[in-house]
Amino acid sequence: MKMHSYTVMNRDLRKNYLESVRRETNPLSIYPQNITLRDFTLFMWMPVLVYECSYPRWPEKRRYGYIIKKCIFAIGLIFLQYILMSDYVIPYI
């Protein structure tokens, strides 16, 4: 669904861009500059489903304590899943 949103939005931006070039007016969007690998990967990693040329963002600061806490939590859950699978599920299968 994300690929579809990316494709349809850029298709519409391209139509508007070509129409403004044909009329010899300044385009309102940043269409040709937003087709980059960086822009595409940023959209794929963001938790949104609808593509836009720019998104409101927080300042570029990272909360390393929060990241470490979530990584430890994920590792703990993986370990718990392994224990549950090896002790309770696999013997019955």
N, C-alpha and C. Protein backbone atom coordinates (compact mmCIF):
# COMPACT_ATOMS: atom_id res chain seq x y z
N MET A 1 0.82 -1.20 0.00
CA MET A 1 0.00 0.00 0.00
C MET A 1 0.87 1.26 0.00
N LYS A 2 2.01 1.19 0.67
CA LYS A 2 2.88 2.36 0.69
C LYS A 2 3.45 2.64 -0.70
N MET A 3 3.83 1.58 -1.42
CA MET A 3 4.35 1.77 -2.77
C MET A 3 3.28 2.40 -3.67
N HIS A 4 2.04 1.97 -3.49
CA HIS A 4 0.95 2.51 -4.29
C HIS A 4 0.77 4.00 -3.99
N SER A 5 0.80 4.36 -2.72
CA SER A 5 0.67 5.76 -2.34
C SER A 5 1.80 6.59 -2.91
N TYR A 6 3.03 6.08 -2.84
CA TYR A 6 4.19 6.79 -3.37
C TYR A 6 4.06 7.00 -4.87
N THR A 7 3.64 5.97 -5.57
CA THR A 7 3.51 6.03 -7.03
C THR A 7 2.40 6.98 -7.45
N VAL A 8 1.24 6.87 -6.84
CA VAL A 8 0.10 7.70 -7.23
C VAL A 8 0.37 9.17 -6.92
N MET A 9 0.94 9.45 -5.76
CA MET A 9 1.21 10.84 -5.41
C MET A 9 2.23 11.45 -6.37
N ASN A 10 3.29 10.71 -6.71
CA ASN A 10 4.27 11.25 -7.65
C ASN A 10 3.72 11.35 -9.07
N ARG A 11 2.79 10.49 -9.42
CA ARG A 11 2.14 10.60 -10.73
C ARG A 11 1.34 11.90 -10.81
N ASP A 12 0.60 12.20 -9.74
CA ASP A 12 -0.17 13.44 -9.72
C ASP A 12 0.74 14.67 -9.71
N LEU A 13 1.83 14.59 -8.94
CA LEU A 13 2.78 15.69 -8.93
C LEU A 13 3.42 15.89 -10.30
N ARG A 14 3.69 14.79 -10.99
CA ARG A 14 4.27 14.89 -12.34
C ARG A 14 3.29 15.54 -13.30
N LYS A 15 2.01 15.17 -13.24
CA LYS A 15 1.01 15.79 -14.12
C LYS A 15 0.95 17.29 -13.88
N ASN A 16 0.93 17.70 -12.62
CA ASN A 16 0.88 19.13 -12.31
C ASN A 16 2.15 19.84 -12.77
N TYR A 17 3.29 19.18 -12.60
CA TYR A 17 4.56 19.76 -13.03
C TYR A 17 4.61 19.94 -14.54
N LEU A 18 4.22 18.93 -15.28
CA LEU A 18 4.23 19.02 -16.75
C LEU A 18 3.23 20.05 -17.25
N GLU A 19 2.10 20.16 -16.58
CA GLU A 19 1.12 21.16 -16.97
C GLU A 19 1.64 22.57 -16.73
N SER A 20 2.33 22.78 -15.61
CA SER A 20 2.89 24.11 -15.35
C SER A 20 4.04 24.43 -16.29
N VAL A 21 4.81 23.43 -16.70
CA VAL A 21 5.88 23.65 -17.68
C VAL A 21 5.28 24.01 -19.04
N ARG A 22 4.21 23.35 -19.39
CA ARG A 22 3.56 23.62 -20.66
C ARG A 22 2.99 25.04 -20.70
N ARG A 23 2.47 25.50 -19.56
CA ARG A 23 1.93 26.86 -19.48
C ARG A 23 3.02 27.90 -19.25
N GLU A 24 4.23 27.41 -19.01
CA GLU A 24 5.38 28.27 -18.74
C GLU A 24 5.19 29.09 -17.47
N THR A 25 4.70 28.44 -16.43
CA THR A 25 4.59 29.07 -15.11
C THR A 25 5.49 28.32 -14.14
N ASN A 26 5.73 28.90 -13.01
CA ASN A 26 6.55 28.23 -12.00
C ASN A 26 5.76 27.11 -11.34
N PRO A 27 6.34 25.92 -11.24
CA PRO A 27 5.64 24.81 -10.58
C PRO A 27 5.53 25.07 -9.08
N LEU A 28 4.43 24.64 -8.50
CA LEU A 28 4.19 24.86 -7.07
C LEU A 28 4.82 23.79 -6.20
N SER A 29 5.10 22.63 -6.75
CA SER A 29 5.65 21.54 -5.94
C SER A 29 7.13 21.37 -6.21
N ILE A 30 7.76 20.56 -5.40
CA ILE A 30 9.18 20.27 -5.57
C ILE A 30 9.34 18.93 -6.27
N TYR A 31 8.51 18.69 -7.26
CA TYR A 31 8.41 17.35 -7.86
C TYR A 31 9.72 16.72 -8.30
N PRO A 32 10.51 17.27 -9.17
CA PRO A 32 11.65 16.47 -9.62
C PRO A 32 12.67 16.21 -8.52
N GLN A 33 12.75 17.10 -7.52
CA GLN A 33 13.75 16.93 -6.47
C GLN A 33 13.34 15.90 -5.41
N ASN A 34 12.07 15.51 -5.36
CA ASN A 34 11.65 14.56 -4.33
C ASN A 34 11.78 13.11 -4.77
N ILE A 35 12.23 12.83 -5.97
CA ILE A 35 12.42 11.46 -6.44
C ILE A 35 13.88 11.09 -6.19
N THR A 36 14.18 10.71 -4.97
CA THR A 36 15.52 10.28 -4.61
C THR A 36 15.43 9.02 -3.76
N LEU A 37 16.51 8.31 -3.67
CA LEU A 37 16.54 7.11 -2.84
C LEU A 37 16.36 7.48 -1.37
N ARG A 38 16.95 8.59 -0.96
CA ARG A 38 16.83 9.04 0.44
C ARG A 38 15.38 9.35 0.78
N ASP A 39 14.68 10.03 -0.11
CA ASP A 39 13.27 10.37 0.12
C ASP A 39 12.41 9.12 0.18
N PHE A 40 12.67 8.18 -0.70
CA PHE A 40 11.89 6.94 -0.73
C PHE A 40 12.12 6.11 0.53
N THR A 41 13.38 5.94 0.95
CA THR A 41 13.64 5.15 2.16
C THR A 41 13.11 5.85 3.40
N LEU A 42 13.16 7.17 3.43
CA LEU A 42 12.58 7.90 4.56
C LEU A 42 11.08 7.64 4.65
N PHE A 43 10.40 7.66 3.52
CA PHE A 43 8.97 7.37 3.51
C PHE A 43 8.69 5.94 3.94
N MET A 44 9.52 4.99 3.50
CA MET A 44 9.29 3.59 3.86
C MET A 44 9.49 3.34 5.35
N TRP A 45 10.38 4.07 5.99
CA TRP A 45 10.63 3.88 7.42
C TRP A 45 9.68 4.66 8.30
N MET A 46 9.04 5.71 7.77
CA MET A 46 8.12 6.52 8.58
C MET A 46 6.81 5.77 8.80
N PRO A 47 6.22 5.95 9.97
CA PRO A 47 4.95 5.24 10.25
C PRO A 47 3.74 5.97 9.66
N VAL A 48 3.76 6.21 8.37
CA VAL A 48 2.63 6.84 7.67
C VAL A 48 2.28 5.99 6.46
N LEU A 49 1.05 6.12 6.01
CA LEU A 49 0.62 5.37 4.83
C LEU A 49 0.44 6.24 3.61
N VAL A 50 0.30 7.54 3.80
CA VAL A 50 0.07 8.45 2.69
C VAL A 50 1.34 9.26 2.46
N TYR A 51 1.83 9.25 1.23
CA TYR A 51 3.06 9.96 0.89
C TYR A 51 2.81 11.45 0.75
N GLU A 52 3.69 12.23 1.33
CA GLU A 52 3.72 13.68 1.16
C GLU A 52 5.15 14.07 0.85
N CYS A 53 5.34 15.25 0.27
CA CYS A 53 6.70 15.68 -0.05
C CYS A 53 7.49 16.04 1.21
N SER A 54 6.81 16.51 2.24
CA SER A 54 7.50 16.83 3.50
C SER A 54 6.54 16.53 4.65
N TYR A 55 7.13 16.18 5.78
CA TYR A 55 6.35 15.84 6.97
C TYR A 55 6.79 16.72 8.13
N PRO A 56 5.89 17.03 9.05
CA PRO A 56 6.32 17.75 10.25
C PRO A 56 7.19 16.83 11.10
N ARG A 57 8.31 17.32 11.57
CA ARG A 57 9.26 16.48 12.30
C ARG A 57 9.67 17.15 13.60
N TRP A 58 10.08 16.32 14.54
CA TRP A 58 10.67 16.81 15.79
C TRP A 58 12.10 17.23 15.50
N PRO A 59 12.70 17.99 16.39
CA PRO A 59 14.12 18.33 16.20
C PRO A 59 14.97 17.05 16.20
N GLU A 60 16.10 17.11 15.52
CA GLU A 60 16.97 15.93 15.37
C GLU A 60 17.72 15.65 16.67
N LYS A 61 17.04 15.05 17.62
CA LYS A 61 17.71 14.59 18.83
C LYS A 61 17.26 13.16 19.09
N ARG A 62 18.18 12.37 19.61
CA ARG A 62 17.87 10.97 19.86
C ARG A 62 17.87 10.72 21.35
N ARG A 63 16.88 9.97 21.78
CA ARG A 63 16.80 9.61 23.20
C ARG A 63 17.40 8.22 23.35
N TYR A 64 18.69 8.20 23.65
CA TYR A 64 19.42 6.93 23.70
C TYR A 64 18.92 6.03 24.83
N GLY A 65 18.50 6.59 25.93
CA GLY A 65 17.95 5.78 27.01
C GLY A 65 16.69 5.04 26.57
N TYR A 66 15.84 5.71 25.84
CA TYR A 66 14.62 5.10 25.33
C TYR A 66 14.94 4.00 24.32
N ILE A 67 15.91 4.26 23.45
CA ILE A 67 16.30 3.26 22.44
C ILE A 67 16.87 2.02 23.11
N ILE A 68 17.74 2.21 24.10
CA ILE A 68 18.33 1.07 24.80
C ILE A 68 17.27 0.28 25.54
N LYS A 69 16.34 0.99 26.18
CA LYS A 69 15.26 0.32 26.91
C LYS A 69 14.41 -0.54 25.97
N LYS A 70 14.07 -0.02 24.80
CA LYS A 70 13.25 -0.77 23.86
C LYS A 70 14.02 -1.96 23.27
N CYS A 71 15.33 -1.80 23.03
CA CYS A 71 16.13 -2.91 22.52
C CYS A 71 16.23 -4.03 23.55
N ILE A 72 16.44 -3.68 24.82
CA ILE A 72 16.49 -4.69 25.89
C ILE A 72 15.13 -5.38 26.01
N PHE A 73 14.07 -4.63 25.89
CA PHE A 73 12.73 -5.20 25.95
C PHE A 73 12.50 -6.19 24.80
N ALA A 74 12.93 -5.83 23.60
CA ALA A 74 12.78 -6.72 22.44
C ALA A 74 13.61 -7.98 22.60
N ILE A 75 14.84 -7.86 23.08
CA ILE A 75 15.69 -9.03 23.29
C ILE A 75 15.08 -9.94 24.36
N GLY A 76 14.54 -9.34 25.41
CA GLY A 76 13.87 -10.13 26.46
C GLY A 76 12.67 -10.89 25.92
N LEU A 77 11.88 -10.24 25.08
CA LEU A 77 10.71 -10.92 24.50
C LEU A 77 11.11 -12.04 23.56
N ILE A 78 12.18 -11.84 22.79
CA ILE A 78 12.66 -12.91 21.91
C ILE A 78 13.14 -14.10 22.74
N PHE A 79 13.85 -13.82 23.81
CA PHE A 79 14.32 -14.88 24.70
C PHE A 79 13.14 -15.61 25.35
N LEU A 80 12.12 -14.87 25.80
CA LEU A 80 10.92 -15.48 26.39
C LEU A 80 10.19 -16.34 25.36
N GLN A 81 10.11 -15.88 24.14
CA GLN A 81 9.46 -16.66 23.08
C GLN A 81 10.23 -17.95 22.82
N TYR A 82 11.54 -17.89 22.81
CA TYR A 82 12.36 -19.08 22.62
C TYR A 82 12.11 -20.10 23.74
N ILE A 83 12.08 -19.63 24.98
CA ILE A 83 11.84 -20.53 26.13
C ILE A 83 10.47 -21.19 26.01
N LEU A 84 9.46 -20.38 25.71
CA LEU A 84 8.10 -20.93 25.61
C LEU A 84 7.98 -21.94 24.47
N MET A 85 8.59 -21.63 23.34
CA MET A 85 8.53 -22.55 22.21
C MET A 85 9.26 -23.86 22.52
N SER A 86 10.46 -23.75 23.08
CA SER A 86 11.27 -24.96 23.31
C SER A 86 10.73 -25.80 24.45
N ASP A 87 10.10 -25.21 25.45
CA ASP A 87 9.61 -25.98 26.60
C ASP A 87 8.17 -26.47 26.46
N TYR A 88 7.32 -25.69 25.81
CA TYR A 88 5.90 -26.02 25.81
C TYR A 88 5.34 -26.40 24.44
N VAL A 89 5.86 -25.88 23.37
CA VAL A 89 5.27 -26.14 22.06
C VAL A 89 5.96 -27.28 21.33
N ILE A 90 7.26 -27.25 21.23
CA ILE A 90 8.00 -28.27 20.47
C ILE A 90 7.82 -29.67 21.04
N PRO A 91 7.79 -29.90 22.38
CA PRO A 91 7.58 -31.28 22.86
C PRO A 91 6.23 -31.88 22.42
N TYR A 92 5.22 -31.05 22.23
CA TYR A 92 3.92 -31.57 21.82
C TYR A 92 3.80 -31.76 20.31
N ILE A 93 4.67 -31.10 19.59
CA ILE A 93 4.63 -31.26 18.14
C ILE A 93 5.38 -32.51 17.77
